[in-house]
């Protein structure tokens, strides 16, 4: 295993851990999410953490695993971090329920076994 593969494995493992926390948030339901600002902020921080960790996956590894929109995931951290009270909770919910599970499955089922 190369040094880049080790970095990618560590970062992917961190992303999966954040995805698991987000799954717990989602399990409480959409209405709870929409009604609870603390839950929204926690989820937004999770998205920022995901973007930070994905940015630590070396570009050479991301290129080998083209099944995810890596640049968009990385850019999401900036988008979420700068939107403050202007971020639409329904848009965040869609990301939490659609994109985060896909990312988690991709990392678990495709990337980690190949590294």
PDB file of N, CA and C in Angstrom:
ATOM      1  N   UNK A   1       0.858  -1.184   0.000  1.00  0.00           N
ATOM      2  CA  UNK A   1       0.000   0.000   0.000  1.00  0.00           C
ATOM      3  C   UNK A   1       0.900   1.242   0.000  1.00  0.00           C
ATOM      4  N   UNK A   2       0.587   2.165  -0.895  1.00  0.00           N
ATOM      5  CA  UNK A   2       1.378   3.391  -1.003  1.00  0.00           C
ATOM      6  C   UNK A   2       0.989   4.376   0.100  1.00  0.00           C
ATOM      7  N   UNK A   3       1.816   5.393   0.263  1.00  0.00           N
ATOM      8  CA  UNK A   3       1.516   6.445   1.241  1.00  0.00           C
ATOM      9  C   UNK A   3       0.215   7.151   0.873  1.00  0.00           C
ATOM     10  N   UNK A   4      -0.016   7.385  -0.417  1.00  0.00           N
ATOM     11  CA  UNK A   4      -1.262   8.025  -0.847  1.00  0.00           C
ATOM     12  C   UNK A   4      -2.464   7.138  -0.533  1.00  0.00           C
ATOM     13  N   UNK A   5      -2.305   5.839  -0.719  1.00  0.00           N
ATOM     14  CA  UNK A   5      -3.397   4.920  -0.397  1.00  0.00           C
ATOM     15  C   UNK A   5      -3.699   4.944   1.104  1.00  0.00           C
ATOM     16  N   UNK A   6      -2.650   5.012   1.921  1.00  0.00           N
ATOM     17  CA  UNK A   6      -2.862   5.081   3.378  1.00  0.00           C
ATOM     18  C   UNK A   6      -3.601   6.355   3.756  1.00  0.00           C
ATOM     19  N   UNK A   7      -3.194   7.485   3.160  1.00  0.00           N
ATOM     20  CA  UNK A   7      -3.889   8.752   3.426  1.00  0.00           C
ATOM     21  C   UNK A   7      -5.348   8.655   3.000  1.00  0.00           C
ATOM     22  N   UNK A   8      -5.575   8.074   1.848  1.00  0.00           N
ATOM     23  CA  UNK A   8      -6.944   7.929   1.344  1.00  0.00           C
ATOM     24  C   UNK A   8      -7.760   7.030   2.256  1.00  0.00           C
ATOM     25  N   UNK A   9      -7.181   5.940   2.705  1.00  0.00           N
ATOM     26  CA  UNK A   9      -7.880   5.008   3.597  1.00  0.00           C
ATOM     27  C   UNK A   9      -8.257   5.708   4.906  1.00  0.00           C
ATOM     28  N   UNK A  10      -7.323   6.458   5.471  1.00  0.00           N
ATOM     29  CA  UNK A  10      -7.599   7.173   6.719  1.00  0.00           C
ATOM     30  C   UNK A  10      -8.713   8.199   6.523  1.00  0.00           C
ATOM     31  N   UNK A  11      -8.624   8.959   5.449  1.00  0.00           N
ATOM     32  CA  UNK A  11      -9.641   9.981   5.182  1.00  0.00           C
ATOM     33  C   UNK A  11     -10.996   9.339   4.914  1.00  0.00           C
ATOM     34  N   UNK A  12     -11.035   8.277   4.142  1.00  0.00           N
ATOM     35  CA  UNK A  12     -12.301   7.597   3.837  1.00  0.00           C
ATOM     36  C   UNK A  12     -12.927   7.029   5.106  1.00  0.00           C
ATOM     37  N   UNK A  13     -12.108   6.510   5.989  1.00  0.00           N
ATOM     38  CA  UNK A  13     -12.615   5.981   7.256  1.00  0.00           C
ATOM     39  C   UNK A  13     -13.233   7.099   8.090  1.00  0.00           C
ATOM     40  N   UNK A  14     -12.618   8.279   8.096  1.00  0.00           N
ATOM     41  CA  UNK A  14     -13.190   9.426   8.820  1.00  0.00           C
ATOM     42  C   UNK A  14     -14.513   9.861   8.194  1.00  0.00           C
ATOM     43  N   UNK A  15     -14.563   9.869   6.875  1.00  0.00           N
ATOM     44  CA  UNK A  15     -15.813  10.246   6.198  1.00  0.00           C
ATOM     45  C   UNK A  15     -16.925   9.268   6.553  1.00  0.00           C
ATOM     46  N   UNK A  16     -16.632   8.002   6.546  1.00  0.00           N
ATOM     47  CA  UNK A  16     -17.645   6.999   6.884  1.00  0.00           C
ATOM     48  C   UNK A  16     -18.161   7.221   8.300  1.00  0.00           C
ATOM     49  N   UNK A  17     -17.269   7.549   9.221  1.00  0.00           N
ATOM     50  CA  UNK A  17     -17.692   7.813  10.606  1.00  0.00           C
ATOM     51  C   UNK A  17     -18.649   9.003  10.666  1.00  0.00           C
ATOM     52  N   UNK A  18     -18.359  10.050   9.915  1.00  0.00           N
ATOM     53  CA  UNK A  18     -19.257  11.209   9.878  1.00  0.00           C
ATOM     54  C   UNK A  18     -20.587  10.821   9.236  1.00  0.00           C
ATOM     55  N   UNK A  19     -20.535  10.030   8.184  1.00  0.00           N
ATOM     56  CA  UNK A  19     -21.765   9.569   7.529  1.00  0.00           C
ATOM     57  C   UNK A  19     -22.648   8.787   8.506  1.00  0.00           C
ATOM     58  N   UNK A  20     -22.033   8.035   9.391  1.00  0.00           N
ATOM     59  CA  UNK A  20     -22.798   7.275  10.388  1.00  0.00           C
ATOM     60  C   UNK A  20     -23.513   8.216  11.352  1.00  0.00           C
ATOM     61  N   UNK A  21     -22.852   9.274  11.755  1.00  0.00           N
ATOM     62  CA  UNK A  21     -23.499  10.266  12.627  1.00  0.00           C
ATOM     63  C   UNK A  21     -24.647  10.941  11.885  1.00  0.00           C
ATOM     64  N   UNK A  22     -24.425  11.279  10.631  1.00  0.00           N
ATOM     65  CA  UNK A  22     -25.485  11.892   9.829  1.00  0.00           C
ATOM     66  C   UNK A  22     -26.662  10.929   9.688  1.00  0.00           C
ATOM     67  N   UNK A  23     -26.398   9.647   9.546  1.00  0.00           N
ATOM     68  CA  UNK A  23     -27.488   8.663   9.466  1.00  0.00           C
ATOM     69  C   UNK A  23     -28.336   8.686  10.739  1.00  0.00           C
ATOM     70  N   UNK A  24     -27.711   8.900  11.883  1.00  0.00           N
ATOM     71  CA  UNK A  24     -28.461   9.006  13.135  1.00  0.00           C
ATOM     72  C   UNK A  24     -29.339  10.249  13.137  1.00  0.00           C
ATOM     73  N   UNK A  25     -28.816  11.345  12.592  1.00  0.00           N
ATOM     74  CA  UNK A  25     -29.603  12.575  12.490  1.00  0.00           C
ATOM     75  C   UNK A  25     -30.799  12.347  11.581  1.00  0.00           C
ATOM     76  N   UNK A  26     -30.570  11.733  10.437  1.00  0.00           N
ATOM     77  CA  UNK A  26     -31.641  11.474   9.467  1.00  0.00           C
ATOM     78  C   UNK A  26     -32.695  10.539  10.055  1.00  0.00           C
ATOM     79  N   UNK A  27     -32.272   9.601  10.874  1.00  0.00           N
ATOM     80  CA  UNK A  27     -33.207   8.631  11.457  1.00  0.00           C
ATOM     81  C   UNK A  27     -34.269   9.301  12.322  1.00  0.00           C
ATOM     82  N   UNK A  28     -33.999  10.478  12.811  1.00  0.00           N
ATOM     83  CA  UNK A  28     -34.983  11.209  13.629  1.00  0.00           C
ATOM     84  C   UNK A  28     -36.110  11.801  12.782  1.00  0.00           C
ATOM     85  N   UNK A  29     -35.890  11.855  11.489  1.00  0.00           N
ATOM     86  CA  UNK A  29     -36.936  12.313  10.582  1.00  0.00           C
ATOM     87  C   UNK A  29     -36.765  13.738  10.109  1.00  0.00           C
ATOM     88  N   UNK A  30     -37.388  13.986   8.969  1.00  0.00           N
ATOM     89  CA  UNK A  30     -37.269  15.299   8.341  1.00  0.00           C
ATOM     90  C   UNK A  30     -37.866  16.403   9.194  1.00  0.00           C
ATOM     91  N   UNK A  31     -39.023  16.160   9.784  1.00  0.00           N
ATOM     92  CA  UNK A  31     -39.664  17.223  10.555  1.00  0.00           C
ATOM     93  C   UNK A  31     -38.812  17.624  11.751  1.00  0.00           C
ATOM     94  N   UNK A  32     -38.241  16.641  12.423  1.00  0.00           N
ATOM     95  CA  UNK A  32     -37.341  16.966  13.540  1.00  0.00           C
ATOM     96  C   UNK A  32     -36.183  17.822  13.039  1.00  0.00           C
ATOM     97  N   UNK A  33     -35.615  17.438  11.915  1.00  0.00           N
ATOM     98  CA  UNK A  33     -34.502  18.191  11.339  1.00  0.00           C
ATOM     99  C   UNK A  33     -34.919  19.628  11.042  1.00  0.00           C
ATOM    100  N   UNK A  34     -36.058  19.787  10.398  1.00  0.00           N
ATOM    101  CA  UNK A  34     -36.516  21.126  10.012  1.00  0.00           C
ATOM    102  C   UNK A  34     -36.870  21.993  11.215  1.00  0.00           C
ATOM    103  N   UNK A  35     -37.313  21.365  12.298  1.00  0.00           N
ATOM    104  CA  UNK A  35     -37.745  22.110  13.483  1.00  0.00           C
ATOM    105  C   UNK A  35     -36.621  22.430  14.456  1.00  0.00           C
ATOM    106  N   UNK A  36     -35.491  21.746  14.341  1.00  0.00           N
ATOM    107  CA  UNK A  36     -34.449  21.857  15.358  1.00  0.00           C
ATOM    108  C   UNK A  36     -33.165  22.448  14.780  1.00  0.00           C
ATOM    109  N   UNK A  37     -32.892  23.681  15.123  1.00  0.00           N
ATOM    110  CA  UNK A  37     -31.723  24.387  14.586  1.00  0.00           C
ATOM    111  C   UNK A  37     -30.418  23.720  15.017  1.00  0.00           C
ATOM    112  N   UNK A  38     -30.372  23.160  16.223  1.00  0.00           N
ATOM    113  CA  UNK A  38     -29.152  22.489  16.670  1.00  0.00           C
ATOM    114  C   UNK A  38     -28.853  21.269  15.798  1.00  0.00           C
ATOM    115  N   UNK A  39     -29.887  20.554  15.441  1.00  0.00           N
ATOM    116  CA  UNK A  39     -29.716  19.399  14.565  1.00  0.00           C
ATOM    117  C   UNK A  39     -29.242  19.853  13.189  1.00  0.00           C
ATOM    118  N   UNK A  40     -29.791  20.940  12.690  1.00  0.00           N
ATOM    119  CA  UNK A  40     -29.360  21.479  11.402  1.00  0.00           C
ATOM    120  C   UNK A  40     -27.881  21.864  11.451  1.00  0.00           C
ATOM    121  N   UNK A  41     -27.498  22.536  12.512  1.00  0.00           N
ATOM    122  CA  UNK A  41     -26.100  22.961  12.623  1.00  0.00           C
ATOM    123  C   UNK A  41     -25.174  21.759  12.731  1.00  0.00           C
ATOM    124  N   UNK A  42     -25.593  20.741  13.459  1.00  0.00           N
ATOM    125  CA  UNK A  42     -24.777  19.524  13.584  1.00  0.00           C
ATOM    126  C   UNK A  42     -24.596  18.860  12.215  1.00  0.00           C
ATOM    127  N   UNK A  43     -25.676  18.786  11.463  1.00  0.00           N
ATOM    128  CA  UNK A  43     -25.601  18.179  10.135  1.00  0.00           C
ATOM    129  C   UNK A  43     -24.715  19.004   9.209  1.00  0.00           C
ATOM    130  N   UNK A  44     -24.852  20.327   9.280  1.00  0.00           N
ATOM    131  CA  UNK A  44     -24.021  21.187   8.452  1.00  0.00           C
ATOM    132  C   UNK A  44     -22.549  21.007   8.798  1.00  0.00           C
ATOM    133  N   UNK A  45     -22.246  20.877  10.078  1.00  0.00           N
ATOM    134  CA  UNK A  45     -20.865  20.638  10.474  1.00  0.00           C
ATOM    135  C   UNK A  45     -20.383  19.294   9.940  1.00  0.00           C
ATOM    136  N   UNK A  46     -21.260  18.315   9.914  1.00  0.00           N
ATOM    137  CA  UNK A  46     -20.912  17.026   9.336  1.00  0.00           C
ATOM    138  C   UNK A  46     -20.533  17.158   7.871  1.00  0.00           C
ATOM    139  N   UNK A  47     -21.279  17.964   7.128  1.00  0.00           N
ATOM    140  CA  UNK A  47     -20.959  18.175   5.712  1.00  0.00           C
ATOM    141  C   UNK A  47     -19.613  18.872   5.544  1.00  0.00           C
ATOM    142  N   UNK A  48     -19.335  19.803   6.429  1.00  0.00           N
ATOM    143  CA  UNK A  48     -18.029  20.474   6.392  1.00  0.00           C
ATOM    144  C   UNK A  48     -16.916  19.466   6.679  1.00  0.00           C
ATOM    145  N   UNK A  49     -17.124  18.615   7.673  1.00  0.00           N
ATOM    146  CA  UNK A  49     -16.110  17.604   8.008  1.00  0.00           C
ATOM    147  C   UNK A  49     -15.892  16.626   6.853  1.00  0.00           C
ATOM    148  N   UNK A  50     -16.974  16.264   6.186  1.00  0.00           N
ATOM    149  CA  UNK A  50     -16.842  15.379   5.028  1.00  0.00           C
ATOM    150  C   UNK A  50     -15.989  16.051   3.956  1.00  0.00           C
ATOM    151  N   UNK A  51     -16.277  17.301   3.656  1.00  0.00           N
ATOM    152  CA  UNK A  51     -15.495  18.025   2.652  1.00  0.00           C
ATOM    153  C   UNK A  51     -14.032  18.136   3.026  1.00  0.00           C
ATOM    154  N   UNK A  52     -13.764  18.392   4.297  1.00  0.00           N
ATOM    155  CA  UNK A  52     -12.381  18.487   4.769  1.00  0.00           C
ATOM    156  C   UNK A  52     -11.653  17.154   4.597  1.00  0.00           C
ATOM    157  N   UNK A  53     -12.295  16.074   4.978  1.00  0.00           N
ATOM    158  CA  UNK A  53     -11.661  14.756   4.876  1.00  0.00           C
ATOM    159  C   UNK A  53     -11.451  14.344   3.424  1.00  0.00           C
ATOM    160  N   UNK A  54     -12.443  14.591   2.575  1.00  0.00           N
ATOM    161  CA  UNK A  54     -12.297  14.244   1.160  1.00  0.00           C
ATOM    162  C   UNK A  54     -11.149  15.031   0.535  1.00  0.00           C
ATOM    163  N   UNK A  55     -10.970  16.269   0.963  1.00  0.00           N
ATOM    164  CA  UNK A  55      -9.864  17.076   0.432  1.00  0.00           C
ATOM    165  C   UNK A  55      -8.510  16.464   0.788  1.00  0.00           C
ATOM    166  N   UNK A  56      -8.454  15.654   1.828  1.00  0.00           N
ATOM    167  CA  UNK A  56      -7.201  15.012   2.236  1.00  0.00           C
ATOM    168  C   UNK A  56      -6.919  13.720   1.471  1.00  0.00           C
ATOM    169  N   UNK A  57      -7.900  13.265   0.695  1.00  0.00           N
ATOM    170  CA  UNK A  57      -7.637  12.114  -0.174  1.00  0.00           C
ATOM    171  C   UNK A  57      -6.794  12.632  -1.339  1.00  0.00           C
ATOM    172  N   UNK A  58      -5.614  12.097  -1.515  1.00  0.00           N
ATOM    173  CA  UNK A  58      -4.752  12.603  -2.595  1.00  0.00           C
ATOM    174  C   UNK A  58      -5.469  12.572  -3.958  1.00  0.00           C
ATOM    175  N   UNK A  59      -5.204  13.591  -4.743  1.00  0.00           N
ATOM    176  CA  UNK A  59      -5.842  13.701  -6.059  1.00  0.00           C
ATOM    177  C   UNK A  59      -5.593  12.459  -6.905  1.00  0.00           C
ATOM    178  N   UNK A  60      -4.407  11.878  -6.781  1.00  0.00           N
ATOM    179  CA  UNK A  60      -4.107  10.685  -7.577  1.00  0.00           C
ATOM    180  C   UNK A  60      -5.049   9.530  -7.226  1.00  0.00           C
ATOM    181  N   UNK A  61      -5.458   9.453  -5.982  1.00  0.00           N
ATOM    182  CA  UNK A  61      -6.399   8.400  -5.567  1.00  0.00           C
ATOM    183  C   UNK A  61      -7.804   8.754  -6.020  1.00  0.00           C
ATOM    184  N   UNK A  62      -8.196  10.013  -5.842  1.00  0.00           N
ATOM    185  CA  UNK A  62      -9.535  10.422  -6.298  1.00  0.00           C
ATOM    186  C   UNK A  62      -9.700  10.162  -7.790  1.00  0.00           C
ATOM    187  N   UNK A  63      -8.636  10.355  -8.562  1.00  0.00           N
ATOM    188  CA  UNK A  63      -8.706  10.114 -10.006  1.00  0.00           C
ATOM    189  C   UNK A  63      -8.944   8.637 -10.318  1.00  0.00           C
ATOM    190  N   UNK A  64      -8.404   7.766  -9.501  1.00  0.00           N
ATOM    191  CA  UNK A  64      -8.603   6.328  -9.716  1.00  0.00           C
ATOM    192  C   UNK A  64     -10.025   5.894  -9.383  1.00  0.00           C
ATOM    193  N   UNK A  65     -10.679   6.651  -8.530  1.00  0.00           N
ATOM    194  CA  UNK A  65     -12.037   6.320  -8.095  1.00  0.00           C
ATOM    195  C   UNK A  65     -12.964   7.454  -8.524  1.00  0.00           C
ATOM    196  N   UNK A  66     -13.419   7.369  -9.744  1.00  0.00           N
ATOM    197  CA  UNK A  66     -14.183   8.477 -10.326  1.00  0.00           C
ATOM    198  C   UNK A  66     -15.694   8.344 -10.142  1.00  0.00           C
ATOM    199  N   UNK A  67     -16.120   7.522  -9.221  1.00  0.00           N
ATOM    200  CA  UNK A  67     -17.551   7.304  -9.007  1.00  0.00           C
ATOM    201  C   UNK A  67     -18.221   8.322  -8.109  1.00  0.00           C
ATOM    202  N   UNK A  68     -17.501   9.353  -7.712  1.00  0.00           N
ATOM    203  CA  UNK A  68     -18.060  10.399  -6.860  1.00  0.00           C
ATOM    204  C   UNK A  68     -17.665  11.771  -7.406  1.00  0.00           C
ATOM    205  N   UNK A  69     -18.500  12.766  -7.174  1.00  0.00           N
ATOM    206  CA  UNK A  69     -18.161  14.132  -7.610  1.00  0.00           C
ATOM    207  C   UNK A  69     -17.254  14.795  -6.564  1.00  0.00           C
ATOM    208  N   UNK A  70     -16.003  14.373  -6.513  1.00  0.00           N
ATOM    209  CA  UNK A  70     -15.096  14.793  -5.451  1.00  0.00           C
ATOM    210  C   UNK A  70     -15.006  16.314  -5.317  1.00  0.00           C
ATOM    211  N   UNK A  71     -14.883  17.009  -6.429  1.00  0.00           N
ATOM    212  CA  UNK A  71     -14.746  18.471  -6.358  1.00  0.00           C
ATOM    213  C   UNK A  71     -15.991  19.100  -5.724  1.00  0.00           C
ATOM    214  N   UNK A  72     -17.160  18.606  -6.065  1.00  0.00           N
ATOM    215  CA  UNK A  72     -18.393  19.139  -5.481  1.00  0.00           C
ATOM    216  C   UNK A  72     -18.455  18.865  -3.984  1.00  0.00           C
ATOM    217  N   UNK A  73     -18.001  17.696  -3.580  1.00  0.00           N
ATOM    218  CA  UNK A  73     -18.005  17.353  -2.157  1.00  0.00           C
ATOM    219  C   UNK A  73     -17.068  18.288  -1.397  1.00  0.00           C
ATOM    220  N   UNK A  74     -15.895  18.523  -1.950  1.00  0.00           N
ATOM    221  CA  UNK A  74     -14.941  19.431  -1.317  1.00  0.00           C
ATOM    222  C   UNK A  74     -15.498  20.846  -1.281  1.00  0.00           C
ATOM    223  N   UNK A  75     -16.095  21.275  -2.380  1.00  0.00           N
ATOM    224  CA  UNK A  75     -16.654  22.622  -2.446  1.00  0.00           C
ATOM    225  C   UNK A  75     -17.841  22.808  -1.506  1.00  0.00           C
ATOM    226  N   UNK A  76     -18.527  21.732  -1.178  1.00  0.00           N
ATOM    227  CA  UNK A  76     -19.678  21.828  -0.283  1.00  0.00           C
ATOM    228  C   UNK A  76     -19.267  22.371   1.082  1.00  0.00           C
ATOM    229  N   UNK A  77     -18.069  22.034   1.531  1.00  0.00           N
ATOM    230  CA  UNK A  77     -17.628  22.518   2.843  1.00  0.00           C
ATOM    231  C   UNK A  77     -17.585  24.039   2.861  1.00  0.00           C
ATOM    232  N   UNK A  78     -17.099  24.630   1.773  1.00  0.00           N
ATOM    233  CA  UNK A  78     -17.042  26.085   1.688  1.00  0.00           C
ATOM    234  C   UNK A  78     -18.437  26.669   1.573  1.00  0.00           C
ATOM    235  N   UNK A  79     -19.259  26.064   0.743  1.00  0.00           N
ATOM    236  CA  UNK A  79     -20.626  26.546   0.555  1.00  0.00           C
ATOM    237  C   UNK A  79     -21.380  26.537   1.874  1.00  0.00           C
ATOM    238  N   UNK A  80     -21.341  25.433   2.584  1.00  0.00           N
ATOM    239  CA  UNK A  80     -22.065  25.319   3.858  1.00  0.00           C
ATOM    240  C   UNK A  80     -21.466  26.261   4.887  1.00  0.00           C
ATOM    241  N   UNK A  81     -20.164  26.338   4.941  1.00  0.00           N
ATOM    242  CA  UNK A  81     -19.500  27.168   5.932  1.00  0.00           C
ATOM    243  C   UNK A  81     -19.752  28.659   5.772  1.00  0.00           C
ATOM    244  N   UNK A  82     -20.053  29.089   4.581  1.00  0.00           N
ATOM    245  CA  UNK A  82     -20.223  30.526   4.329  1.00  0.00           C
ATOM    246  C   UNK A  82     -21.668  30.967   4.222  1.00  0.00           C
ATOM    247  N   UNK A  83     -22.601  30.037   4.229  1.00  0.00           N
ATOM    248  CA  UNK A  83     -24.000  30.397   4.021  1.00  0.00           C
ATOM    249  C   UNK A  83     -24.703  30.847   5.293  1.00  0.00           C
ATOM    250  N   UNK A  84     -24.210  30.477   6.442  1.00  0.00           N
ATOM    251  CA  UNK A  84     -24.775  30.852   7.737  1.00  0.00           C
ATOM    252  C   UNK A  84     -26.281  30.610   7.781  1.00  0.00           C
ATOM    253  N   UNK A  85     -27.047  31.647   8.125  1.00  0.00           N
ATOM    254  CA  UNK A  85     -28.490  31.500   8.286  1.00  0.00           C
ATOM    255  C   UNK A  85     -29.220  31.458   6.950  1.00  0.00           C
ATOM    256  N   UNK A  86     -28.498  31.597   5.880  1.00  0.00           N
ATOM    257  CA  UNK A  86     -29.059  31.671   4.545  1.00  0.00           C
ATOM    258  C   UNK A  86     -29.191  30.288   3.889  1.00  0.00           C
ATOM    259  N   UNK A  87     -28.727  29.249   4.538  1.00  0.00           N
ATOM    260  CA  UNK A  87     -28.728  27.905   3.971  1.00  0.00           C
ATOM    261  C   UNK A  87     -30.111  27.279   4.115  1.00  0.00           C
ATOM    262  N   UNK A  88     -30.658  26.805   3.021  1.00  0.00           N
ATOM    263  CA  UNK A  88     -31.995  26.208   3.019  1.00  0.00           C
ATOM    264  C   UNK A  88     -31.956  24.825   3.667  1.00  0.00           C
ATOM    265  N   UNK A  89     -32.639  24.646   4.798  1.00  0.00           N
ATOM    266  CA  UNK A  89     -32.614  23.348   5.481  1.00  0.00           C
ATOM    267  C   UNK A  89     -33.142  22.206   4.619  1.00  0.00           C
ATOM    268  N   UNK A  90     -34.065  22.474   3.714  1.00  0.00           N
ATOM    269  CA  UNK A  90     -34.582  21.416   2.841  1.00  0.00           C
ATOM    270  C   UNK A  90     -33.513  20.950   1.846  1.00  0.00           C
ATOM    271  N   UNK A  91     -32.696  21.878   1.398  1.00  0.00           N
ATOM    272  CA  UNK A  91     -31.586  21.511   0.513  1.00  0.00           C
ATOM    273  C   UNK A  91     -30.568  20.650   1.271  1.00  0.00           C
ATOM    274  N   UNK A  92     -30.286  21.043   2.499  1.00  0.00           N
ATOM    275  CA  UNK A  92     -29.376  20.245   3.326  1.00  0.00           C
ATOM    276  C   UNK A  92     -29.960  18.857   3.543  1.00  0.00           C
ATOM    277  N   UNK A  93     -31.260  18.783   3.840  1.00  0.00           N
ATOM    278  CA  UNK A  93     -31.913  17.491   4.057  1.00  0.00           C
ATOM    279  C   UNK A  93     -31.759  16.580   2.838  1.00  0.00           C
ATOM    280  N   UNK A  94     -31.955  17.141   1.650  1.00  0.00           N
ATOM    281  CA  UNK A  94     -31.790  16.345   0.426  1.00  0.00           C
ATOM    282  C   UNK A  94     -30.363  15.795   0.328  1.00  0.00           C
ATOM    283  N   UNK A  95     -29.402  16.623   0.645  1.00  0.00           N
ATOM    284  CA  UNK A  95     -28.011  16.176   0.604  1.00  0.00           C
ATOM    285  C   UNK A  95     -27.781  15.064   1.626  1.00  0.00           C
ATOM    286  N   UNK A  96     -28.326  15.237   2.810  1.00  0.00           N
ATOM    287  CA  UNK A  96     -28.156  14.244   3.880  1.00  0.00           C
ATOM    288  C   UNK A  96     -28.783  12.908   3.524  1.00  0.00           C
ATOM    289  N   UNK A  97     -29.924  12.957   2.859  1.00  0.00           N
ATOM    290  CA  UNK A  97     -30.665  11.715   2.596  1.00  0.00           C
ATOM    291  C   UNK A  97     -30.340  11.085   1.249  1.00  0.00           C
ATOM    292  N   UNK A  98     -29.810  11.858   0.330  1.00  0.00           N
ATOM    293  CA  UNK A  98     -29.516  11.336  -1.004  1.00  0.00           C
ATOM    294  C   UNK A  98     -28.017  11.128  -1.210  1.00  0.00           C
ATOM    295  N   UNK A  99     -27.243  12.170  -1.016  1.00  0.00           N
ATOM    296  CA  UNK A  99     -25.835  12.134  -1.383  1.00  0.00           C
ATOM    297  C   UNK A  99     -24.942  11.482  -0.331  1.00  0.00           C
ATOM    298  N   UNK A 100     -25.197  11.762   0.922  1.00  0.00           N
ATOM    299  CA  UNK A 100     -24.342  11.212   1.980  1.00  0.00           C
ATOM    300  C   UNK A 100     -24.396   9.683   2.007  1.00  0.00           C
ATOM    301  N   UNK A 101     -25.576   9.061   1.938  1.00  0.00           N
ATOM    302  CA  UNK A 101     -25.580   7.589   1.916  1.00  0.00           C
ATOM    303  C   UNK A 101     -24.854   7.004   0.689  1.00  0.00           C
ATOM    304  N   UNK A 102     -24.993   7.647  -0.445  1.00  0.00           N
ATOM    305  CA  UNK A 102     -24.283   7.187  -1.649  1.00  0.00           C
ATOM    306  C   UNK A 102     -22.773   7.250  -1.459  1.00  0.00           C
ATOM    307  N   UNK A 103     -22.327   8.349  -0.879  1.00  0.00           N
ATOM    308  CA  UNK A 103     -20.896   8.510  -0.622  1.00  0.00           C
ATOM    309  C   UNK A 103     -20.407   7.439   0.347  1.00  0.00           C
ATOM    310  N   UNK A 104     -21.142   7.236   1.418  1.00  0.00           N
ATOM    311  CA  UNK A 104     -20.758   6.231   2.406  1.00  0.00           C
ATOM    312  C   UNK A 104     -20.652   4.845   1.764  1.00  0.00           C
ATOM    313  N   UNK A 105     -21.656   4.483   0.983  1.00  0.00           N
ATOM    314  CA  UNK A 105     -21.656   3.173   0.327  1.00  0.00           C
ATOM    315  C   UNK A 105     -20.497   3.049  -0.653  1.00  0.00           C
ATOM    316  N   UNK A 106     -20.225   4.097  -1.396  1.00  0.00           N
ATOM    317  CA  UNK A 106     -19.123   4.068  -2.359  1.00  0.00           C
ATOM    318  C   UNK A 106     -17.787   3.853  -1.643  1.00  0.00           C
ATOM    319  N   UNK A 107     -17.589   4.601  -0.577  1.00  0.00           N
ATOM    320  CA  UNK A 107     -16.333   4.463   0.163  1.00  0.00           C
ATOM    321  C   UNK A 107     -16.197   3.068   0.756  1.00  0.00           C
ATOM    322  N   UNK A 108     -17.266   2.584   1.347  1.00  0.00           N
ATOM    323  CA  UNK A 108     -17.243   1.262   2.006  1.00  0.00           C
ATOM    324  C   UNK A 108     -17.138   0.106   1.019  1.00  0.00           C
ATOM    325  N   UNK A 109     -17.895   0.201  -0.058  1.00  0.00           N
ATOM    326  CA  UNK A 109     -18.030  -0.943  -0.972  1.00  0.00           C
ATOM    327  C   UNK A 109     -17.037  -0.934  -2.130  1.00  0.00           C
ATOM    328  N   UNK A 110     -16.585   0.245  -2.518  1.00  0.00           N
ATOM    329  CA  UNK A 110     -15.720   0.344  -3.694  1.00  0.00           C
ATOM    330  C   UNK A 110     -14.299   0.775  -3.322  1.00  0.00           C
ATOM    331  N   UNK A 111     -14.178   1.917  -2.664  1.00  0.00           N
ATOM    332  CA  UNK A 111     -12.848   2.473  -2.445  1.00  0.00           C
ATOM    333  C   UNK A 111     -12.038   1.689  -1.408  1.00  0.00           C
ATOM    334  N   UNK A 112     -12.567   1.520  -0.218  1.00  0.00           N
ATOM    335  CA  UNK A 112     -11.777   0.871   0.830  1.00  0.00           C
ATOM    336  C   UNK A 112     -11.324  -0.548   0.455  1.00  0.00           C
ATOM    337  N   UNK A 113     -12.189  -1.366  -0.118  1.00  0.00           N
ATOM    338  CA  UNK A 113     -11.711  -2.709  -0.477  1.00  0.00           C
ATOM    339  C   UNK A 113     -10.587  -2.702  -1.521  1.00  0.00           C
ATOM    340  N   UNK A 114     -10.534  -1.666  -2.340  1.00  0.00           N
ATOM    341  CA  UNK A 114      -9.531  -1.603  -3.406  1.00  0.00           C
ATOM    342  C   UNK A 114      -8.216  -0.973  -2.948  1.00  0.00           C
ATOM    343  N   UNK A 115      -8.224  -0.337  -1.802  1.00  0.00           N
ATOM    344  CA  UNK A 115      -6.995   0.329  -1.336  1.00  0.00           C
ATOM    345  C   UNK A 115      -6.109  -0.664  -0.585  1.00  0.00           C
TER     346      UNK A 115
END
